[in-house]
Amino acid sequence: MQQQMKVEMANKAHENIPGNPSTATSSKIRLNDRSNGKPLRVLSEEDWAFWIENGYIVIKNAVPREQARATADFIWEFDEKDPNDPETWYAPARAEMKMKELTGTGMVEVYNHQHLWNNRQTQKVYDAFVDIWGTEKLWVTIDRANLNIPQRPGENRKGFIHWDYDPETRPQNVQGVLALADQTDENMGGFQCIPWLYRNYDTWKLTQPEDRDHFQPDVTGLEDKIVKVKLEAGDLMIFNSTQPHGIRPNKSGDKVRIAQYISMMPAEENNDEMRQWRINSWKNRIAPEGYAFPGDPRKWEQTRYETAKLSALGEKLLGLTNW
């Protein structure tokens, strides 16, 4: 087996907070305000208005359903579960989560497989993030997948709402999730968020105690304002990082939520340390290090799979070649 390079994680800002450390915590470039006059590529004007008002947007059919399904099949295989045999779904977690609210939510520690890169370098996915940022020069996050299985009778795990970045810091950042299976049943453990709190954060915070948790809001009294976003396989949802969000509990009984986390932010081509970490992560199938990322103790990505092949777009989204 080839010798594995170990390149120290470049972004130290995520050692004790959530958020994906494969890109900057916040961009020096601000999110698109349309002042550049460039036409939107994917979003309609109605989509744009919804995005500004609600802090999230769904891009339908961002990747073909067949591509989403192929990725989902791989996720089942990687997680050693059989989609047709529920007895295989409830194996104990392989790695302990430091970030306790993620325990039992079905995070799958795979980051650089070909299927994941196929989705990242899909033109429509990229174009949607170009619309959100207003720049073509983007880097994609190196992030994982989710397989959220239904709770068994007697289980009562809760969902959660949190921020990955302290909204007080006004992060210029977005996050995204690609549905790999239909998630139209509100009971099946998909994405949830609170657009009301996104819009009203500055006045809401005045009602909160001084020592409040800046990453987990007290949502008492806001339960009726939680939006359970429905997605179909191949749909991409992008949300502002100041949007309180999380995963709802899977109480469907028999449906499995499958997703891949994908986001993009302006490339930092002068940050050579970050670039080299990213290239090494792709080349040697290395997981990010951080509070929310335990990695796969089996080391399957390194031992079972080859380095993903990148398109010309994929090379730029990684940082292998410059924009």
Protein backbone atom coordinates (compact mmCIF):
# COMPACT_ATOMS: atom_id res chain seq x y z
CA MET A 1 0.00 0.00 0.00
CA GLN A 2 1.30 3.47 -0.82
CA GLN A 3 2.70 5.45 2.08
CA GLN A 4 0.07 7.82 3.47
CA MET A 5 1.08 11.45 3.77
CA LYS A 6 0.00 13.25 6.91
CA VAL A 7 -0.42 16.96 6.34
CA GLU A 8 -1.52 18.93 9.38
CA MET A 9 -4.97 20.51 9.18
CA ALA A 10 -4.48 24.07 7.94
CA ASN A 11 -7.62 25.63 9.42
CA LYS A 12 -7.22 25.65 13.21
CA ALA A 13 -10.45 27.63 13.74
CA HIS A 14 -12.50 24.41 13.90
CA GLU A 15 -10.73 22.54 16.69
CA ASN A 16 -13.47 23.30 19.22
CA ILE A 17 -16.42 24.45 17.10
CA PRO A 18 -18.50 22.82 14.36
CA GLY A 19 -18.15 23.87 10.74
CA ASN A 20 -16.09 22.31 7.98
CA PRO A 21 -12.35 23.11 8.24
CA SER A 22 -11.54 22.33 4.58
CA THR A 23 -12.29 25.96 3.66
CA ALA A 24 -12.09 29.24 5.58
CA THR A 25 -14.42 29.87 8.50
CA SER A 26 -15.61 33.09 6.87
CA SER A 27 -14.86 34.60 3.48
CA LYS A 28 -13.26 38.00 2.97
CA ILE A 29 -15.59 38.21 -0.04
CA ARG A 30 -19.18 39.00 0.87
CA LEU A 31 -22.13 36.98 -0.38
CA ASN A 32 -23.66 38.12 -3.64
CA ASP A 33 -25.73 41.31 -3.38
CA ARG A 34 -26.30 41.42 -7.18
CA SER A 35 -24.34 44.68 -7.47
CA ASN A 36 -21.99 43.09 -10.01
CA GLY A 37 -24.81 43.11 -12.54
CA LYS A 38 -24.13 39.54 -13.65
CA PRO A 39 -27.17 37.43 -14.62
CA LEU A 40 -28.11 34.49 -12.45
CA ARG A 41 -27.15 31.10 -13.87
CA VAL A 42 -29.51 28.74 -12.05
CA LEU A 43 -31.70 30.67 -9.62
CA SER A 44 -34.79 32.49 -10.91
CA GLU A 45 -35.71 35.93 -9.61
CA GLU A 46 -38.35 34.22 -7.45
CA ASP A 47 -35.65 31.89 -6.09
CA TRP A 48 -33.43 34.87 -5.32
CA ALA A 49 -36.19 36.68 -3.43
CA PHE A 50 -36.90 33.51 -1.43
CA TRP A 51 -33.17 33.10 -0.65
CA ILE A 52 -32.85 36.65 0.66
CA GLU A 53 -36.04 36.39 2.75
CA ASN A 54 -35.59 32.89 4.15
CA GLY A 55 -31.87 32.19 4.19
CA TYR A 56 -32.14 28.94 2.24
CA ILE A 57 -33.03 27.81 -1.27
CA VAL A 58 -33.69 24.47 -2.99
CA ILE A 59 -32.23 23.90 -6.46
CA LYS A 60 -34.28 21.16 -8.11
CA ASN A 61 -32.47 18.40 -10.03
CA ALA A 62 -29.01 19.78 -9.30
CA VAL A 63 -27.64 16.34 -10.14
CA PRO A 64 -29.45 13.67 -12.19
CA ARG A 65 -31.51 11.22 -10.12
CA GLU A 66 -29.45 8.31 -11.47
CA GLN A 67 -26.27 9.94 -10.20
CA ALA A 68 -27.86 10.56 -6.80
CA ARG A 69 -29.03 6.95 -6.66
CA ALA A 70 -25.55 5.64 -7.55
CA THR A 71 -24.07 7.71 -4.73
CA ALA A 72 -26.71 6.43 -2.32
CA ASP A 73 -25.90 2.82 -3.28
CA PHE A 74 -22.25 3.52 -2.53
CA ILE A 75 -23.08 5.09 0.87
CA TRP A 76 -24.99 1.94 1.88
CA GLU A 77 -22.02 -0.21 0.80
CA PHE A 78 -19.47 1.99 2.59
CA ASP A 79 -21.47 1.97 5.81
CA GLU A 80 -21.82 -1.84 5.66
CA LYS A 81 -25.60 -1.71 5.64
CA ASP A 82 -28.10 -3.41 3.33
CA PRO A 83 -30.97 -1.12 2.22
CA ASN A 84 -33.24 -4.18 2.00
CA ASP A 85 -32.37 -5.62 5.40
CA PRO A 86 -33.25 -3.37 8.37
CA GLU A 87 -31.46 -5.81 10.68
CA THR A 88 -28.18 -4.41 9.32
CA TRP A 89 -29.11 -0.77 9.96
CA TYR A 90 -28.52 -0.61 13.70
CA ALA A 91 -24.86 -1.49 14.12
CA PRO A 92 -23.04 0.56 16.80
CA ALA A 93 -21.18 3.69 15.69
CA ARG A 94 -17.56 3.10 14.68
CA ALA A 95 -16.22 6.37 16.05
CA GLU A 96 -17.24 8.51 18.99
CA MET A 97 -18.51 12.00 18.23
CA LYS A 98 -17.02 14.83 20.27
CA MET A 99 -19.97 16.88 19.03
CA LYS A 100 -22.66 15.07 20.99
CA GLU A 101 -25.72 16.40 19.14
CA LEU A 102 -24.49 14.50 16.07
CA THR A 103 -24.50 11.17 17.94
CA GLY A 104 -27.03 8.84 16.34
CA THR A 105 -27.77 11.16 13.40
CA GLY A 106 -26.16 8.86 10.84
CA MET A 107 -22.98 10.68 9.81
CA VAL A 108 -20.99 8.55 7.35
CA GLU A 109 -17.24 9.19 7.51
CA VAL A 110 -16.46 9.21 3.79
CA TYR A 111 -15.00 12.30 2.12
CA ASN A 112 -13.13 11.79 -1.14
CA HIS A 113 -14.70 8.92 -3.04
CA GLN A 114 -15.34 9.28 -6.77
CA HIS A 115 -19.12 9.43 -6.29
CA LEU A 116 -18.80 12.37 -3.90
CA TRP A 117 -16.49 14.20 -6.30
CA ASN A 118 -18.83 13.47 -9.24
CA ASN A 119 -21.52 15.44 -7.42
CA ARG A 120 -19.16 18.26 -6.39
CA GLN A 121 -17.99 18.81 -9.95
CA THR A 122 -21.47 18.74 -11.49
CA GLN A 123 -21.90 21.97 -13.46
CA LYS A 124 -25.35 22.85 -12.10
CA VAL A 125 -24.18 22.43 -8.49
CA TYR A 126 -21.26 24.76 -9.17
CA ASP A 127 -23.43 27.28 -11.04
CA ALA A 128 -25.85 27.47 -8.12
CA PHE A 129 -23.02 28.44 -5.78
CA VAL A 130 -21.76 30.98 -8.33
CA ASP A 131 -25.20 32.60 -8.09
CA ILE A 132 -25.03 32.68 -4.29
CA TRP A 133 -21.51 34.12 -4.14
CA GLY A 134 -21.38 36.27 -7.27
CA THR A 135 -17.93 34.94 -8.18
CA GLU A 136 -16.77 32.03 -10.33
CA LYS A 137 -13.60 31.41 -8.31
CA LEU A 138 -14.80 28.88 -5.75
CA TRP A 139 -13.42 26.02 -3.69
CA VAL A 140 -15.68 23.13 -2.66
CA THR A 141 -15.80 21.80 0.90
CA ILE A 142 -14.44 18.32 1.49
CA ASP A 143 -17.32 16.94 3.51
CA ARG A 144 -19.12 13.68 4.24
CA ALA A 145 -22.47 11.94 3.83
CA ASN A 146 -25.46 11.13 6.02
CA LEU A 147 -27.51 7.95 6.39
CA ASN A 148 -30.21 8.70 8.95
CA ILE A 149 -32.07 5.48 9.70
CA PRO A 150 -35.48 5.30 11.39
CA GLN A 151 -35.63 5.01 15.15
CA ARG A 152 -36.75 1.68 16.52
CA PRO A 153 -39.80 1.32 18.75
CA GLY A 154 -39.04 2.70 22.18
CA GLU A 155 -36.25 4.98 20.96
CA ASN A 156 -36.84 8.69 21.35
CA ARG A 157 -33.76 10.50 20.11
CA LYS A 158 -34.37 14.18 19.54
CA GLY A 159 -33.49 16.26 16.53
CA PHE A 160 -31.42 19.38 17.03
CA ILE A 161 -31.07 22.99 15.94
CA HIS A 162 -27.66 24.67 15.99
CA TRP A 163 -25.26 27.00 14.21
CA ASP A 164 -21.89 25.83 12.91
CA TYR A 165 -20.59 29.40 13.22
CA ASP A 166 -21.38 31.93 15.94
CA PRO A 167 -23.86 34.29 14.21
CA GLU A 168 -22.43 37.15 16.28
CA THR A 169 -19.33 36.93 14.08
CA ARG A 170 -21.49 37.58 10.97
CA PRO A 171 -19.82 34.79 9.00
CA GLN A 172 -19.76 35.19 5.23
CA ASN A 173 -20.39 31.54 4.55
CA VAL A 174 -23.01 29.12 3.27
CA GLN A 175 -23.59 25.41 3.65
CA GLY A 176 -25.36 22.87 1.50
CA VAL A 177 -26.90 19.42 1.40
CA LEU A 178 -27.59 17.24 -1.63
CA ALA A 179 -30.47 14.77 -1.32
CA LEU A 180 -29.48 11.28 -2.46
CA ALA A 181 -32.95 9.83 -1.83
CA ASP A 182 -36.42 11.38 -1.68
CA GLN A 183 -37.05 13.14 1.63
CA THR A 184 -40.64 14.26 1.23
CA ASP A 185 -41.91 12.61 4.42
CA GLU A 186 -41.50 15.11 7.28
CA ASN A 187 -41.03 12.21 9.72
CA MET A 188 -37.96 10.75 8.01
CA GLY A 189 -35.18 12.78 9.55
CA GLY A 190 -34.22 15.39 6.98
CA PHE A 191 -33.11 19.01 7.25
CA GLN A 192 -34.88 21.54 9.45
CA CYS A 193 -34.28 25.25 10.01
CA ILE A 194 -35.88 28.40 11.47
CA PRO A 195 -36.12 31.18 8.85
CA TRP A 196 -38.00 33.35 11.38
CA LEU A 197 -34.96 33.30 13.68
CA TYR A 198 -32.65 33.91 10.72
CA ARG A 199 -34.63 37.07 9.93
CA ASN A 200 -35.16 38.21 13.52
CA TYR A 201 -31.89 37.21 15.15
CA ASP A 202 -30.88 40.73 16.23
CA THR A 203 -34.09 41.32 18.18
CA TRP A 204 -34.41 37.71 19.38
CA LYS A 205 -30.97 37.75 21.00
CA LEU A 206 -32.04 40.65 23.22
CA THR A 207 -34.53 38.28 24.88
CA GLN A 208 -31.84 35.71 25.66
CA PRO A 209 -29.59 35.40 28.74
CA GLU A 210 -26.07 36.83 28.65
CA ASP A 211 -24.49 33.38 29.01
CA ARG A 212 -26.52 31.78 26.20
CA ASP A 213 -24.94 29.12 24.00
CA HIS A 214 -23.86 30.85 20.78
CA PHE A 215 -24.04 27.58 18.84
CA GLN A 216 -27.31 26.08 20.12
CA PRO A 217 -30.27 28.44 20.49
CA ASP A 218 -33.02 27.82 23.01
CA VAL A 219 -35.94 27.19 20.64
CA THR A 220 -38.59 27.13 23.36
CA GLY A 221 -41.59 28.93 21.93
CA LEU A 222 -40.27 28.68 18.38
CA GLU A 223 -41.34 25.09 17.73
CA ASP A 224 -44.12 26.20 15.37
CA LYS A 225 -41.60 28.20 13.35
CA ILE A 226 -39.36 25.24 12.51
CA VAL A 227 -39.47 24.51 8.76
CA LYS A 228 -39.00 20.89 7.67
CA VAL A 229 -37.56 21.19 4.17
CA LYS A 230 -38.70 18.54 1.70
CA LEU A 231 -36.24 17.37 -0.94
CA GLU A 232 -36.24 14.84 -3.77
CA ALA A 233 -33.23 12.81 -4.89
CA GLY A 234 -30.87 15.10 -6.80
CA ASP A 235 -32.11 18.33 -5.17
CA LEU A 236 -29.52 20.65 -3.64
CA MET A 237 -30.34 22.91 -0.73
CA ILE A 238 -28.06 25.85 0.10
CA PHE A 239 -28.43 27.77 3.34
CA ASN A 240 -26.81 30.81 4.91
CA SER A 241 -24.50 29.92 7.81
CA THR A 242 -26.41 32.33 10.05
CA GLN A 243 -29.49 30.13 9.53
CA PRO A 244 -30.19 27.99 12.64
CA HIS A 245 -30.51 24.45 11.33
CA GLY A 246 -30.20 20.77 12.09
CA ILE A 247 -31.44 17.26 11.50
CA ARG A 248 -34.89 16.21 12.63
CA PRO A 249 -35.40 12.78 14.22
CA ASN A 250 -36.29 9.94 11.88
CA LYS A 251 -39.63 8.66 13.16
CA SER A 252 -40.86 7.31 9.82
CA GLY A 253 -40.54 3.66 10.85
CA ASP A 254 -39.14 2.48 7.53
CA LYS A 255 -37.66 5.35 5.48
CA VAL A 256 -33.98 6.30 5.37
CA ARG A 257 -32.70 9.82 4.80
CA ILE A 258 -29.56 9.79 2.61
CA ALA A 259 -27.63 12.95 1.79
CA GLN A 260 -24.24 14.41 0.92
CA TYR A 261 -23.00 17.68 2.41
CA ILE A 262 -21.68 20.03 -0.27
CA SER A 263 -20.80 23.69 -0.08
CA MET A 264 -18.54 26.14 -1.85
CA MET A 265 -16.91 29.41 -0.93
CA PRO A 266 -14.47 31.82 -2.59
CA ALA A 267 -11.13 30.18 -3.35
CA GLU A 268 -8.13 31.24 -1.27
CA GLU A 269 -5.48 30.64 -3.87
CA ASN A 270 -2.84 32.54 -1.88
CA ASN A 271 -3.35 30.30 1.16
CA ASP A 272 -0.81 27.68 0.22
CA GLU A 273 -1.11 25.78 3.50
CA MET A 274 -4.84 25.32 2.99
CA ARG A 275 -4.39 24.41 -0.67
CA GLN A 276 -1.79 21.75 0.13
CA TRP A 277 -4.00 20.24 2.84
CA ARG A 278 -6.91 20.05 0.40
CA ILE A 279 -4.83 18.43 -2.35
CA ASN A 280 -3.45 15.89 0.12
CA SER A 281 -6.95 15.15 1.42
CA TRP A 282 -8.15 14.35 -2.10
CA LYS A 283 -5.02 12.50 -3.24
CA ASN A 284 -4.62 10.32 -0.13
CA ARG A 285 -8.29 10.19 0.93
CA ILE A 286 -7.72 11.96 4.26
CA ALA A 287 -10.67 13.17 6.36
CA PRO A 288 -10.78 16.69 7.81
CA GLU A 289 -9.80 17.01 11.45
CA GLY A 290 -12.06 18.91 13.78
CA TYR A 291 -14.62 18.94 16.52
CA ALA A 292 -17.32 17.37 14.34
CA PHE A 293 -15.19 15.00 12.24
CA PRO A 294 -13.96 11.77 13.87
CA GLY A 295 -12.98 10.05 10.59
CA ASP A 296 -13.31 6.36 9.71
CA PRO A 297 -11.30 4.08 12.02
CA ARG A 298 -11.40 1.34 9.35
CA LYS A 299 -9.42 3.58 6.93
CA TRP A 300 -11.50 2.19 4.07
CA GLU A 301 -11.03 5.19 1.82
CA GLN A 302 -7.27 4.73 1.91
CA THR A 303 -7.25 0.95 1.59
CA ARG A 304 -10.20 0.13 -0.68
CA TYR A 305 -10.58 3.02 -3.10
CA GLU A 306 -8.48 4.94 -5.60
CA THR A 307 -7.96 8.69 -5.76
CA ALA A 308 -11.00 10.27 -7.44
CA LYS A 309 -10.61 11.46 -11.01
CA LEU A 310 -11.30 15.16 -11.37
CA SER A 311 -12.68 17.09 -14.32
CA ALA A 312 -11.15 20.44 -15.28
CA LEU A 313 -13.83 22.06 -13.10
CA GLY A 314 -13.11 19.64 -10.26
CA GLU A 315 -9.38 20.49 -10.33
CA LYS A 316 -10.22 24.17 -9.85
CA LEU A 317 -12.80 23.46 -7.15
CA LEU A 318 -10.15 21.49 -5.24
CA GLY A 319 -7.32 23.98 -5.75
CA LEU A 320 -5.18 21.65 -7.84
CA THR A 321 -5.23 24.24 -10.63
CA ASN A 322 -5.87 27.97 -10.39
CA TRP A 323 -8.90 29.79 -11.67
